[in-house]
Each structure stands twice: as C-alpha cells, then as structure tokens.
Amino acid sequence: MAGSTMTRTPSATPALGVSALAEQPSTREQVQRQVLDRAAQPGYQWWLTHVMSAAACANPVRLRLNATWHDGHGGSETETVTDGMPDGVIYVACKNRRASVCPSCAETYRQDTYQLIKAGLLGGKGVPESVTEHPCFFATFTAPAFGPVHSRSVGANGRVKPCRVRRWGTVCEHGRQVVCHQRHAEDDPRLGEPICRDCYDYHHQAVWNLHASELWRRTTVTLNRFLTRAAKDRGVQVRVSYAKVAEYQRRGAVHYHALIRLDGYDPDDRDAVLPPHPSLTPELVESYLERAARLTRLTTAPHPQNRLGWVIRWGEQLDIRRVRLSQADCDDRGALTTEAVAGYLAKYATKGTEATGHVSRRITAATAAVYAELDTHQARQITACWTLGRRPFYVTSKAEIEAWDDSPGSNLPGWGKLQRWAHMLGFGGHFSTKSRRYSTTLGALRAVRRAYQRGQPLDHPDHTSPADDDPAAADAVVTLTWIFDGVGWLTLGDAALANTAAAKARERRQTAKEELEHTLAA
C-alpha cells in the first residue's frame, strides 16, 4: 500500500517567485552569466528534460518527495527520492487559470475548456454526434442596474452614440450632473465608472455578486420545470444541459455567458445523450428560456443594512441567440456558429477582475482600511463587501441566532463570505461550470494529456504495488510525503532557458500541425 501527504516545511533552498526575482538587482550581464553557468553544467540536458513539464510556467511549484518504507514489523526507512534529481526538486506547473497570473497555464486551461465546450456542440469525447441536431442557444444573463454609469454603444450606422443624454433631471440629489455627451472610445478608463458614486448602490451590487450563482441555479431549475411540464404533455422526457462562464463587466458586476442545450432523457440509461422530441421546437425552448430568466428571482436573508433583504434578479438586457452548426446555416437573426461560441466561452474562462481595473489577493483588515480611505469606484466596491461581511451582523443573543438560522433564505451563502471574496468584489463562484452530462470533464482531458506525455495507454495505472512484483512485500507499506520547497525558478537564467525551450517546442508542434493539415488537404 502507498499513502501520500503534503506538508510545508522550511527549505534549505530559498523559495523565490517571479515577483521576488524581479525585485532583486539583476543586470543583463548577470542573467547571461546565469544562463551560461547552467548550460555549461554536465547535466544540463537532463535538467532541461526534467523541468520541461513546467518550462512555460511563470511560477512553477517546487516539491521534494520523501518515501518511507514500513516493513510491517515495526521497522521503517525514509529516503528523499528527489535528492538525485536536478536541483533536488520536482517542478510542477502552477496550473493557474488566470491569464494575468500565468499566461502559459491559462492557455492550457483555455484550450481544455474549448475542447470541452466544442465536444458538447459537435460530439466526440464520449458525446454522440447527434447533438448537432439538438436545440442549442447562447444566452447572456446580465446584472440589473445599480446606478447610471458611463457606457459605450454603437448605433446601426456604425457610429458611437453619446454616453448619456437627458432632457430633464440633469442634476442628481447630490448636486452632480447626470448627463454625459462624450462618445467614449473602447479604451476610455471612464467606462463602467458611475456618473455619481454617491448615487450608486454598492451594497446591492456586492450582494448581487454573492448570490449570482444561486440565482443561476434557480433559473435552471425553473427552466427544467417549464420544459418537463411541456414534455409531459407530449408524453416524452427531456433535460437541459449547459456550460457557462462568468465575466466581470467594467462596472464590477458579474454576468453569465451560457450555452444551453436540450437533450432527450431515458430513465433506464441516465447517462445517454438522446435527441429531444421534435415537438419541442427551438422556438418553444427559447420562449421558456426567456420566461425563466424574467420570472426567476430571490430575496436574501435580512441584514442590518437592509432588514427586508435585497431582491436578486437578472437585468433587463437578456440576449438569447441560437447556435447553428455552420455559417451557411445562419439566418438573419444572427445565429452563432459552434466554433465562435466555444472560442468565446473559453476566452472568458481565463479572465478575472482585470476588466474592472482591480487585481489583488485576499483582502485583510489592514488592506481594507487602506481601501476605505480611497474614493474610487473599485475601492468603494471592496469597502462595501468588507462592511457587509463584518461579523457579527446584528444577532446578540442565542434566541436571535436561532431565529436567524430558521429565517427564510438561511440556506443561501452567509454574509461572512463577502469579506472572504472582497478581492473578487463579492463573487465567490466558479468561473467555468457545466452540467454533468453536457460533455466530458476537464479531469478526463488532463488524464489523456498526462498519459500521452508519459507514452502510456489511457488505462495505465499511475503506480504499481510492491506486492505485484514481490509477494513477500504484501505486508509492506510505503508512505509518500510531498514537501513544499518554494515557488518560482531559482534564477532568472533558469527561467529564460526553460521558457525558451518551451517556446521552441510550441513552434515545432505548430509547424507539425500545419504540415499535417496541408497533407490532409492535398
């Protein structure tokens, strides 16, 4: 038997990340010297092969591995397996999905998400090709308005419209002008900024971001009820499959892009993806989808800032477009192609709060106090999350605590999560999710890639038990302990060599792909 644990212990080797390396005084000559020193070592090729799996990563994780053998009679022996490896550690890619943190790992995540979404549209990877005939829609669910903001819209003539033009009521209650005749450019930093920050409802936006995932869940439940009722009238059974990503608008509110597909359902084979009954037309499905989005809403639990709770619902801007197999099938209503939808969703799966102008790590009491002194749109959003998530709320006795737990909506996320996710402006949900039977999983895609890199069949076991080779060792137990050594490359020279090798490998793969496509086309 073999067990595995992960511990963090002080390392003899300094754990330097990219940010720490950037702070060190380093010149071009020093980096060149580091590159030459590494390349001149006898085991350079071994080192390059050893780090290749994480070569393009901006912040690889360094791990050491200890193996402890227990003979079953009270004796044990411990060995550091990685001592004989280059640098004495194993380099593992950080696997961060955010492009602003690690472009390489984010690109891998984007490509996996693209294949996952595309399989649900065209079939493959365990999904039948008949899904191309299923009614499928690309829907965008937006947040409601929390106050007037600077925006940019393009008219039918291709010209940018004035931001905000009003004939009456040009001054708000705080004495500020609520009109803007500016035609904003796409890179205008004022886009998403409130016309008047004092009029903007920052608390409602923070609470909306916190409950956006619950609102989506209830919307899918409502849609399933509508379609199940319609299918029951026709004597058939259906279910909804979807894949969605979350995206931040410039104002800081989250909205969802969702790919929604209608499938048939067989109670005797729940995993089968079947075509729905022809009587459930795309027009009917679209009407139910729009109705579910318009009707679904919820009221949050009470809070000292709002004893009645906030109403959480979708905004008025709801865009539903049908997805078709090819451009030749598109109609005048602007249906989207499968490749365009898959690429669009995969792109936003690697983004975070960058669009809002705010990027940070977890907020602490100290950093929250700094943001509270700033008068910016982003600072006010963070302050609203931190203030609403402060504990305790208003419960001061055991009876009030019990009343709180039994109150309507107590099953929703607690208010304390607003502080935990203040750096994400209150949103703590997953950026990329899908229903169970939409298509394959990211784990399955990664398993295939891992097996390919190792030159193993997909069903190859990751390890073998000592008892497989030695029956006498059946009572032996091996405990594997992973020890965190640090984050980042040891030197800037190592980072340059690893990233250069990864770039060359990408070029070779791209060249081979183009040659293969050219050969097949010929």
Protein backbone atom coordinates (compact mmCIF):
# COMPACT_ATOMS: atom_id res chain seq x y z
CA MET A 1 0.00 0.00 0.00
CA ALA A 2 1.07 3.59 -0.53
CA GLY A 3 -0.18 6.76 1.09
CA SER A 4 0.56 10.34 0.13
CA THR A 5 0.55 13.52 2.18
CA MET A 6 1.52 17.13 1.56
CA THR A 7 3.44 19.19 4.11
CA ARG A 8 5.07 22.60 4.19
CA THR A 9 8.48 22.75 5.81
CA PRO A 10 11.28 25.32 5.71
CA SER A 11 13.51 24.64 2.75
CA ALA A 12 17.26 24.91 2.55
CA THR A 13 16.79 26.42 -0.89
CA PRO A 14 15.25 29.92 -0.93
CA ALA A 15 11.73 29.92 -2.40
CA LEU A 16 11.83 32.76 -4.90
CA GLY A 17 8.90 33.55 -7.15
CA VAL A 18 8.88 35.73 -10.24
CA SER A 19 7.91 38.82 -8.25
CA ALA A 20 10.73 38.27 -5.77
CA LEU A 21 13.25 37.75 -8.55
CA ALA A 22 12.11 40.95 -10.22
CA GLU A 23 12.89 42.90 -7.04
CA GLN A 24 16.48 41.68 -6.95
CA PRO A 25 19.11 43.88 -8.59
CA SER A 26 19.91 41.98 -11.74
CA THR A 27 21.51 43.15 -14.95
CA ARG A 28 21.57 41.63 -18.39
CA GLU A 29 25.15 40.51 -17.83
CA GLN A 30 24.16 38.66 -14.65
CA VAL A 31 21.32 36.86 -16.41
CA GLN A 32 23.63 35.91 -19.27
CA ARG A 33 26.15 34.58 -16.75
CA GLN A 34 23.41 32.51 -15.08
CA VAL A 35 22.38 31.09 -18.46
CA LEU A 36 25.96 30.18 -19.37
CA ASP A 37 26.61 28.62 -15.96
CA ARG A 38 23.53 26.42 -16.24
CA ALA A 39 24.18 25.44 -19.87
CA ALA A 40 27.82 24.57 -19.09
CA GLN A 41 26.87 22.05 -16.42
CA PRO A 42 27.33 18.37 -17.45
CA GLY A 43 23.71 17.54 -16.59
CA TYR A 44 22.17 20.44 -18.50
CA GLN A 45 20.17 18.27 -20.92
CA TRP A 46 18.89 16.20 -18.03
CA TRP A 47 17.87 19.38 -16.20
CA LEU A 48 16.10 20.71 -19.29
CA THR A 49 14.18 17.46 -19.73
CA HIS A 50 13.38 17.43 -16.02
CA VAL A 51 11.79 20.90 -15.99
CA MET A 52 10.10 20.62 -19.41
CA SER A 53 6.67 19.80 -17.98
CA ALA A 54 6.64 23.21 -16.24
CA ALA A 55 9.01 25.07 -18.58
CA ALA A 56 6.49 27.67 -19.77
CA CYS A 57 5.01 28.30 -16.31
CA ALA A 58 5.63 31.72 -14.79
CA ASN A 59 5.52 30.47 -11.19
CA PRO A 60 6.30 26.73 -11.04
CA VAL A 61 5.90 24.97 -7.71
CA ARG A 62 8.99 23.18 -6.40
CA LEU A 63 8.37 19.97 -4.45
CA ARG A 64 10.54 17.42 -2.67
CA LEU A 65 9.39 13.84 -2.14
CA ASN A 66 10.15 11.65 0.86
CA ALA A 67 9.32 7.93 0.78
CA THR A 68 9.03 5.94 4.00
CA TRP A 69 9.03 2.12 3.79
CA HIS A 70 7.33 0.24 6.65
CA ASP A 71 8.15 -3.47 6.71
CA GLY A 72 5.07 -4.39 8.76
CA HIS A 73 7.17 -5.43 11.77
CA GLY A 74 7.78 -2.03 13.32
CA GLY A 75 10.74 -1.10 11.16
CA SER A 76 10.85 1.77 8.71
CA GLU A 77 13.28 3.52 6.40
CA THR A 78 12.96 7.03 4.95
CA GLU A 79 14.58 8.29 1.76
CA THR A 80 14.34 11.60 -0.08
CA VAL A 81 13.53 10.43 -3.58
CA THR A 82 14.27 13.78 -5.22
CA ASP A 83 17.86 14.08 -3.92
CA GLY A 84 19.25 12.58 -7.11
CA MET A 85 17.21 14.83 -9.40
CA PRO A 86 18.37 18.17 -10.86
CA ASP A 87 18.13 20.91 -8.20
CA GLY A 88 16.85 18.22 -5.83
CA VAL A 89 13.22 19.10 -6.52
CA ILE A 90 10.36 18.35 -8.89
CA TYR A 91 8.97 21.30 -10.88
CA VAL A 92 5.19 21.34 -11.21
CA ALA A 93 3.25 23.91 -13.25
CA CYS A 94 1.14 26.24 -11.09
CA LYS A 95 -2.00 25.45 -13.19
CA ASN A 96 -3.47 28.90 -12.50
CA ARG A 97 -6.37 29.63 -14.85
CA ARG A 98 -5.91 33.43 -14.82
CA ALA A 99 -4.00 34.81 -17.79
CA SER A 100 -2.81 37.79 -15.72
CA VAL A 101 -1.05 35.40 -13.31
CA CYS A 102 0.41 32.74 -15.63
CA PRO A 103 -0.24 33.06 -19.40
CA SER A 104 1.02 29.56 -20.17
CA CYS A 105 -1.13 27.65 -17.65
CA ALA A 106 -4.10 29.85 -18.52
CA GLU A 107 -3.67 28.98 -22.21
CA THR A 108 -3.73 25.27 -21.36
CA TYR A 109 -6.90 25.83 -19.33
CA ARG A 110 -8.43 27.80 -22.21
CA GLN A 111 -7.67 25.05 -24.73
CA ASP A 112 -9.15 22.38 -22.45
CA THR A 113 -12.27 24.47 -21.92
CA TYR A 114 -12.56 25.00 -25.67
CA GLN A 115 -12.41 21.26 -26.35
CA LEU A 116 -14.91 20.58 -23.56
CA ILE A 117 -17.43 23.09 -24.91
CA LYS A 118 -16.89 22.10 -28.54
CA ALA A 119 -17.50 18.43 -27.72
CA GLY A 120 -20.90 19.37 -26.32
CA LEU A 121 -21.73 21.12 -29.61
CA LEU A 122 -20.29 18.77 -32.26
CA GLY A 123 -19.91 15.49 -30.40
CA GLY A 124 -16.83 13.46 -29.65
CA LYS A 125 -15.06 12.57 -26.39
CA GLY A 126 -17.97 10.41 -25.35
CA VAL A 127 -20.70 12.70 -26.72
CA PRO A 128 -22.70 11.43 -29.74
CA GLU A 129 -22.56 13.46 -32.97
CA SER A 130 -26.35 13.68 -32.92
CA VAL A 131 -26.07 16.67 -30.54
CA THR A 132 -25.63 18.86 -33.62
CA GLU A 133 -29.37 18.47 -34.21
CA HIS A 134 -30.40 19.40 -30.66
CA PRO A 135 -31.87 22.87 -30.00
CA CYS A 136 -28.98 24.91 -28.62
CA PHE A 137 -28.80 28.55 -27.51
CA PHE A 138 -26.12 31.00 -26.46
CA ALA A 139 -27.57 33.23 -23.74
CA THR A 140 -26.11 36.20 -21.87
CA PHE A 141 -27.57 36.97 -18.44
CA THR A 142 -26.65 40.39 -17.07
CA ALA A 143 -26.97 42.05 -13.70
CA PRO A 144 -29.58 44.78 -13.11
CA ALA A 145 -28.67 48.46 -12.91
CA PHE A 146 -27.28 49.70 -9.62
CA GLY A 147 -26.88 53.27 -10.80
CA PRO A 148 -26.05 55.17 -14.01
CA VAL A 149 -22.55 54.52 -15.36
CA HIS A 150 -20.51 55.69 -18.32
CA SER A 151 -21.12 53.33 -21.23
CA ARG A 152 -20.39 52.93 -24.91
CA SER A 153 -22.86 51.78 -27.55
CA VAL A 154 -22.64 51.71 -31.34
CA GLY A 155 -25.65 52.55 -33.48
CA ALA A 156 -26.85 50.77 -36.60
CA ASN A 157 -24.88 53.25 -38.71
CA GLY A 158 -21.64 52.20 -37.03
CA ARG A 159 -21.21 55.46 -35.12
CA VAL A 160 -20.69 55.61 -31.38
CA LYS A 161 -23.66 57.11 -29.54
CA PRO A 162 -23.31 59.78 -26.84
CA CYS A 163 -22.84 58.22 -23.42
CA ARG A 164 -25.87 59.55 -21.52
CA VAL A 165 -28.18 62.24 -22.89
CA ARG A 166 -31.13 63.53 -20.84
CA ARG A 167 -33.58 66.38 -21.41
CA TRP A 168 -34.84 66.62 -17.84
CA GLY A 169 -33.40 65.91 -14.43
CA THR A 170 -29.80 66.60 -15.31
CA VAL A 171 -28.72 67.03 -11.66
CA CYS A 172 -28.89 64.28 -9.04
CA GLU A 173 -29.78 64.75 -5.37
CA HIS A 174 -26.10 65.21 -4.59
CA GLY A 175 -25.83 68.16 -6.95
CA ARG A 176 -23.88 66.39 -9.68
CA GLN A 177 -24.60 66.35 -13.40
CA VAL A 178 -26.05 63.01 -14.52
CA VAL A 179 -25.55 63.62 -18.23
CA CYS A 180 -22.56 62.79 -20.42
CA HIS A 181 -22.39 63.83 -24.06
CA GLN A 182 -19.00 62.19 -24.58
CA ARG A 183 -18.60 59.49 -27.22
CA HIS A 184 -16.30 57.14 -25.34
CA ALA A 185 -13.54 55.17 -27.03
CA GLU A 186 -13.16 51.45 -26.31
CA ASP A 187 -10.15 52.05 -24.06
CA ASP A 188 -11.65 55.03 -22.18
CA PRO A 189 -10.90 54.47 -18.46
CA ARG A 190 -14.20 56.13 -17.51
CA LEU A 191 -16.24 53.27 -18.96
CA GLY A 192 -18.02 51.48 -16.12
CA GLU A 193 -17.49 54.39 -13.74
CA PRO A 194 -20.66 55.71 -12.05
CA ILE A 195 -21.95 59.09 -13.09
CA CYS A 196 -22.30 59.80 -9.35
CA ARG A 197 -20.61 57.45 -6.88
CA ASP A 198 -22.88 58.59 -4.05
CA CYS A 199 -25.95 57.55 -6.05
CA TYR A 200 -24.51 54.14 -6.96
CA ASP A 201 -25.84 51.23 -4.86
CA TYR A 202 -22.59 49.48 -3.98
CA HIS A 203 -24.20 47.31 -1.30
CA HIS A 204 -26.77 45.89 -3.71
CA GLN A 205 -24.08 45.11 -6.28
CA ALA A 206 -21.91 43.30 -3.71
CA VAL A 207 -24.89 41.24 -2.55
CA TRP A 208 -25.86 40.51 -6.16
CA ASN A 209 -22.38 39.19 -6.96
CA LEU A 210 -22.53 37.00 -3.85
CA HIS A 211 -25.87 35.44 -4.86
CA ALA A 212 -25.33 35.29 -8.63
CA SER A 213 -24.56 31.56 -8.54
CA GLU A 214 -27.72 30.84 -6.55
CA LEU A 215 -29.76 32.92 -9.00
CA TRP A 216 -28.35 30.87 -11.88
CA ARG A 217 -29.18 27.61 -10.11
CA ARG A 218 -32.77 28.68 -9.55
CA THR A 219 -33.05 29.80 -13.16
CA THR A 220 -32.01 26.36 -14.43
CA VAL A 221 -34.48 24.74 -12.00
CA THR A 222 -37.26 26.95 -13.32
CA LEU A 223 -36.34 26.23 -16.94
CA ASN A 224 -36.29 22.49 -16.25
CA ARG A 225 -39.76 22.70 -14.71
CA PHE A 226 -41.17 24.51 -17.73
CA LEU A 227 -39.67 22.04 -20.17
CA THR A 228 -40.56 19.00 -18.07
CA ARG A 229 -44.18 20.12 -17.96
CA ALA A 230 -44.24 20.67 -21.72
CA ALA A 231 -42.59 17.28 -22.35
CA LYS A 232 -45.04 15.53 -20.03
CA ASP A 233 -47.94 16.91 -22.04
CA ARG A 234 -46.36 15.28 -25.10
CA GLY A 235 -45.60 12.01 -23.36
CA VAL A 236 -41.80 12.39 -23.54
CA GLN A 237 -38.94 13.26 -21.20
CA VAL A 238 -36.23 15.88 -21.61
CA ARG A 239 -33.47 17.59 -19.64
CA VAL A 240 -31.32 20.69 -20.01
CA SER A 241 -27.54 20.50 -20.39
CA TYR A 242 -25.38 23.61 -20.22
CA ALA A 243 -21.90 25.08 -20.00
CA LYS A 244 -21.36 28.60 -18.72
CA VAL A 245 -18.65 31.08 -17.81
CA ALA A 246 -18.77 34.16 -15.60
CA GLU A 247 -17.42 37.51 -16.76
CA TYR A 248 -16.95 40.82 -15.00
CA GLN A 249 -18.41 43.91 -16.58
CA ARG A 250 -16.39 47.07 -16.28
CA ARG A 251 -18.71 48.37 -13.55
CA GLY A 252 -17.77 45.35 -11.42
CA ALA A 253 -20.96 43.29 -11.69
CA VAL A 254 -20.80 39.67 -12.84
CA HIS A 255 -22.79 38.37 -15.78
CA TYR A 256 -23.01 34.91 -17.32
CA HIS A 257 -22.50 33.58 -20.83
CA ALA A 258 -24.24 30.22 -21.08
CA LEU A 259 -24.52 27.56 -23.76
CA ILE A 260 -27.84 25.78 -23.18
CA ARG A 261 -28.73 22.54 -24.99
CA LEU A 262 -31.92 20.47 -24.88
CA ASP A 263 -31.50 16.68 -24.66
CA GLY A 264 -33.80 13.70 -24.59
CA TYR A 265 -33.90 11.57 -21.47
CA ASP A 266 -34.10 7.82 -20.90
CA PRO A 267 -34.80 6.78 -17.26
CA ASP A 268 -33.22 3.38 -17.91
CA ASP A 269 -29.99 4.93 -19.22
CA ARG A 270 -29.45 8.26 -17.49
CA ASP A 271 -26.01 8.84 -18.99
CA ALA A 272 -27.25 8.57 -22.59
CA VAL A 273 -27.45 11.82 -24.57
CA LEU A 274 -30.52 11.45 -26.82
CA PRO A 275 -32.22 13.78 -29.32
CA PRO A 276 -35.28 15.56 -27.85
CA HIS A 277 -38.76 15.03 -29.25
CA PRO A 278 -39.34 17.05 -32.48
CA SER A 279 -42.42 18.71 -30.98
CA LEU A 280 -40.14 20.63 -28.62
CA THR A 281 -39.15 23.17 -31.24
CA PRO A 282 -36.31 25.67 -30.82
CA GLU A 283 -38.84 28.50 -30.73
CA LEU A 284 -40.64 26.85 -27.81
CA VAL A 285 -37.40 26.26 -25.92
CA GLU A 286 -36.31 29.87 -26.48
CA SER A 287 -39.62 31.19 -25.12
CA TYR A 288 -39.28 29.07 -21.97
CA LEU A 289 -35.68 30.19 -21.52
CA GLU A 290 -36.62 33.85 -21.72
CA ARG A 291 -39.59 33.32 -19.40
CA ALA A 292 -37.44 31.56 -16.81
CA ALA A 293 -34.92 34.41 -16.87
CA ARG A 294 -37.63 37.05 -16.47
CA LEU A 295 -39.52 35.31 -13.65
CA THR A 296 -36.72 33.90 -11.50
CA ARG A 297 -35.77 35.98 -8.51
CA LEU A 298 -34.98 35.55 -4.83
CA THR A 299 -34.89 37.65 -1.69
CA THR A 300 -31.83 37.43 0.51
CA ALA A 301 -31.79 36.96 4.26
CA PRO A 302 -32.14 40.18 6.29
CA HIS A 303 -29.09 42.27 7.08
CA PRO A 304 -28.53 45.32 9.33
CA GLN A 305 -28.16 47.43 6.19
CA ASN A 306 -31.43 46.06 4.78
CA ARG A 307 -33.77 44.35 7.24
CA LEU A 308 -36.06 43.24 4.40
CA GLY A 309 -33.27 41.72 2.33
CA TRP A 310 -32.25 42.51 -1.23
CA VAL A 311 -34.15 41.30 -4.30
CA ILE A 312 -31.82 39.38 -6.62
CA ARG A 313 -32.92 39.08 -10.26
CA TRP A 314 -31.49 39.32 -13.77
CA GLY A 315 -31.16 42.62 -15.58
CA GLU A 316 -33.30 43.78 -18.47
CA GLN A 317 -30.57 43.10 -21.01
CA LEU A 318 -31.11 39.45 -21.90
CA ASP A 319 -29.56 38.19 -25.14
CA ILE A 320 -30.58 34.74 -26.46
CA ARG A 321 -29.20 33.59 -29.80
CA ARG A 322 -29.49 30.20 -31.42
CA VAL A 323 -26.32 28.25 -32.16
CA ARG A 324 -26.04 26.50 -35.52
CA LEU A 325 -23.54 24.07 -36.93
CA SER A 326 -22.05 26.19 -39.72
CA GLN A 327 -22.10 29.72 -41.07
CA ALA A 328 -24.15 28.57 -44.06
CA ASP A 329 -26.99 27.71 -41.69
CA CYS A 330 -27.10 31.17 -40.10
CA ASP A 331 -30.24 33.22 -40.58
CA ASP A 332 -30.92 36.94 -40.45
CA ARG A 333 -31.36 36.82 -36.68
CA GLY A 334 -27.62 36.43 -36.23
CA ALA A 335 -27.24 32.83 -35.10
CA LEU A 336 -23.78 31.89 -33.93
CA THR A 337 -21.50 29.10 -35.15
CA THR A 338 -20.21 26.39 -32.85
CA GLU A 339 -16.55 27.40 -33.19
CA ALA A 340 -17.33 31.03 -32.37
CA VAL A 341 -19.26 30.11 -29.22
CA ALA A 342 -16.64 27.64 -27.98
CA GLY A 343 -13.83 30.13 -28.50
CA TYR A 344 -15.80 32.93 -26.87
CA LEU A 345 -16.59 30.98 -23.72
CA ALA A 346 -13.08 29.53 -23.44
CA LYS A 347 -11.57 33.00 -23.68
CA TYR A 348 -13.52 34.36 -20.73
CA ALA A 349 -12.79 31.28 -18.62
CA THR A 350 -9.21 32.61 -18.12
CA LYS A 351 -10.18 36.12 -17.03
CA GLY A 352 -10.94 37.57 -13.62
CA THR A 353 -11.42 41.06 -12.27
CA GLU A 354 -8.95 42.63 -14.72
CA ALA A 355 -11.78 44.23 -16.71
CA THR A 356 -12.86 46.20 -13.63
CA GLY A 357 -9.43 47.73 -13.14
CA HIS A 358 -8.81 45.86 -9.90
CA VAL A 359 -6.48 42.90 -9.34
CA SER A 360 -5.41 41.84 -5.86
CA ARG A 361 -5.05 38.94 -3.49
CA ARG A 362 -7.22 38.25 -0.46
CA ILE A 363 -8.23 41.40 1.39
CA THR A 364 -7.15 41.74 5.02
CA ALA A 365 -8.28 44.17 7.70
CA ALA A 366 -5.21 46.31 7.01
CA THR A 367 -5.74 46.49 3.25
CA ALA A 368 -9.48 47.04 3.75
CA ALA A 369 -8.67 50.09 5.88
CA VAL A 370 -6.50 51.45 3.07
CA TYR A 371 -9.26 50.95 0.51
CA ALA A 372 -11.74 52.66 2.85
CA GLU A 373 -9.69 55.86 2.66
CA LEU A 374 -9.73 55.89 -1.16
CA ASP A 375 -12.52 57.41 -3.19
CA THR A 376 -12.51 55.26 -6.30
CA HIS A 377 -15.14 53.01 -7.82
CA GLN A 378 -13.09 49.87 -7.13
CA ALA A 379 -12.29 50.92 -3.56
CA ARG A 380 -15.94 51.55 -2.76
CA GLN A 381 -16.88 48.10 -4.08
CA ILE A 382 -14.29 46.42 -1.85
CA THR A 383 -15.33 48.52 1.13
CA ALA A 384 -18.97 47.56 0.59
CA CYS A 385 -18.05 43.85 0.60
CA TRP A 386 -15.94 44.24 3.72
CA THR A 387 -18.59 46.25 5.58
CA LEU A 388 -21.48 43.92 4.75
CA GLY A 389 -19.43 40.84 5.65
CA ARG A 390 -18.38 42.12 9.09
CA ARG A 391 -19.25 39.74 11.94
CA PRO A 392 -21.41 39.64 14.00
CA PHE A 393 -24.21 41.15 11.97
CA TYR A 394 -26.99 42.07 14.35
CA VAL A 395 -27.57 38.87 16.34
CA THR A 396 -26.71 39.42 20.00
CA SER A 397 -28.46 36.54 21.75
CA LYS A 398 -28.92 32.81 21.31
CA ALA A 399 -32.60 33.28 20.51
CA GLU A 400 -31.75 35.73 17.73
CA ILE A 401 -29.13 33.33 16.37
CA GLU A 402 -31.72 30.52 16.26
CA ALA A 403 -34.20 32.87 14.57
CA TRP A 404 -31.52 33.75 12.04
CA ASP A 405 -30.85 30.08 11.23
CA ASP A 406 -34.57 29.41 10.74
CA SER A 407 -35.24 32.55 8.72
CA PRO A 408 -36.21 32.32 5.02
CA GLY A 409 -33.17 32.20 2.80
CA SER A 410 -30.84 30.94 5.54
CA ASN A 411 -29.69 28.24 3.12
CA LEU A 412 -28.05 30.94 0.97
CA PRO A 413 -24.33 31.80 1.34
CA GLY A 414 -23.51 33.52 4.63
CA TRP A 415 -22.74 37.22 4.71
CA GLY A 416 -19.26 36.50 6.04
CA LYS A 417 -18.29 35.26 2.58
CA LEU A 418 -18.41 38.84 1.36
CA GLN A 419 -15.22 39.53 3.29
CA ARG A 420 -13.61 36.33 2.07
CA TRP A 421 -14.33 37.26 -1.55
CA ALA A 422 -13.89 41.02 -1.24
CA HIS A 423 -10.93 40.87 -3.64
CA MET A 424 -13.36 39.35 -6.20
CA LEU A 425 -15.93 42.10 -5.48
CA GLY A 426 -18.16 39.62 -3.68
CA PHE A 427 -18.32 36.87 -6.31
CA GLY A 428 -17.13 33.53 -4.97
CA GLY A 429 -18.49 31.12 -7.56
CA HIS A 430 -16.65 29.11 -10.20
CA PHE A 431 -15.85 30.95 -13.41
CA SER A 432 -16.41 27.93 -15.62
CA THR A 433 -19.05 25.28 -14.86
CA LYS A 434 -21.17 22.78 -16.75
CA SER A 435 -23.93 20.31 -16.14
CA ARG A 436 -22.93 16.71 -15.59
CA ARG A 437 -23.89 15.29 -19.00
CA TYR A 438 -23.10 18.25 -21.22
CA SER A 439 -19.79 16.72 -22.35
CA THR A 440 -16.54 15.33 -20.97
CA THR A 441 -14.72 16.75 -17.96
CA LEU A 442 -11.52 18.73 -17.54
CA GLY A 443 -10.16 15.88 -15.43
CA ALA A 444 -10.66 13.41 -18.28
CA LEU A 445 -8.91 15.73 -20.74
CA ARG A 446 -5.98 16.17 -18.37
CA ALA A 447 -5.72 12.41 -17.84
CA VAL A 448 -5.47 11.86 -21.60
CA ARG A 449 -2.77 14.53 -21.92
CA ARG A 450 -0.84 13.12 -18.98
CA ALA A 451 -0.95 9.60 -20.42
CA TYR A 452 0.18 10.90 -23.81
CA GLN A 453 3.13 12.75 -22.27
CA ARG A 454 4.19 9.61 -20.45
CA GLY A 455 3.75 7.44 -23.52
CA GLN A 456 1.23 5.29 -21.70
CA PRO A 457 -2.19 3.98 -22.65
CA LEU A 458 -5.08 5.82 -21.03
CA ASP A 459 -5.90 2.96 -18.68
CA HIS A 460 -2.29 2.59 -17.49
CA PRO A 461 -2.05 2.66 -13.67
CA ASP A 462 -0.07 5.51 -12.16
CA HIS A 463 1.85 3.19 -9.88
CA THR A 464 2.18 -0.46 -9.02
CA SER A 465 2.18 -2.05 -5.63
CA PRO A 466 5.37 -3.77 -4.42
CA ALA A 467 3.26 -6.88 -3.90
CA ASP A 468 2.77 -7.07 -7.67
CA ASP A 469 6.46 -7.88 -8.13
CA ASP A 470 7.27 -9.41 -4.76
CA PRO A 471 4.57 -11.42 -2.96
CA ALA A 472 6.69 -11.27 0.19
CA ALA A 473 6.26 -7.50 0.27
CA ALA A 474 2.47 -7.72 0.56
CA ASP A 475 2.63 -6.51 4.17
CA ALA A 476 4.90 -3.55 3.34
CA VAL A 477 3.50 -0.04 3.40
CA VAL A 478 5.00 2.94 1.59
CA THR A 479 4.14 6.47 2.69
CA LEU A 480 4.91 9.28 0.25
CA THR A 481 5.25 12.78 1.67
CA TRP A 482 5.35 15.78 -0.65
CA ILE A 483 7.24 18.71 0.88
CA PHE A 484 6.71 22.24 -0.39
CA ASP A 485 10.09 23.71 -1.32
CA GLY A 486 9.18 27.02 -2.94
CA VAL A 487 7.57 28.82 -5.86
CA GLY A 488 9.32 30.10 -8.96
CA TRP A 489 12.59 29.44 -10.77
CA LEU A 490 15.82 29.54 -8.79
CA THR A 491 17.35 32.19 -11.08
CA LEU A 492 16.25 34.41 -13.92
CA GLY A 493 18.66 32.48 -16.11
CA ASP A 494 16.80 29.24 -15.40
CA ALA A 495 13.51 30.98 -16.22
CA ALA A 496 14.91 32.25 -19.54
CA LEU A 497 16.25 28.82 -20.56
CA ALA A 498 13.05 26.99 -19.60
CA ASN A 499 10.74 29.44 -21.33
CA THR A 500 12.90 29.47 -24.48
CA ALA A 501 12.79 25.67 -24.65
CA ALA A 502 9.01 25.73 -24.19
CA ALA A 503 8.62 28.33 -26.95
CA LYS A 504 10.65 26.21 -29.36
CA ALA A 505 8.55 23.16 -28.50
CA ARG A 506 5.37 25.13 -29.24
CA GLU A 507 6.76 26.23 -32.60
CA ARG A 508 7.63 22.65 -33.54
CA ARG A 509 4.13 21.46 -32.62
CA GLN A 510 2.53 24.26 -34.61
CA THR A 511 4.70 23.52 -37.65
CA ALA A 512 3.85 19.82 -37.45
CA LYS A 513 0.15 20.66 -37.17
CA GLU A 514 0.25 22.94 -40.22
CA GLU A 515 2.13 20.33 -42.27
CA LEU A 516 -0.42 17.67 -41.29
CA GLU A 517 -3.33 19.92 -42.27
CA HIS A 518 -1.63 20.70 -45.58
CA THR A 519 -1.07 16.99 -46.25
CA LEU A 520 -4.69 16.10 -45.47
CA ALA A 521 -5.96 18.96 -47.64
CA ALA A 522 -3.87 17.77 -50.57
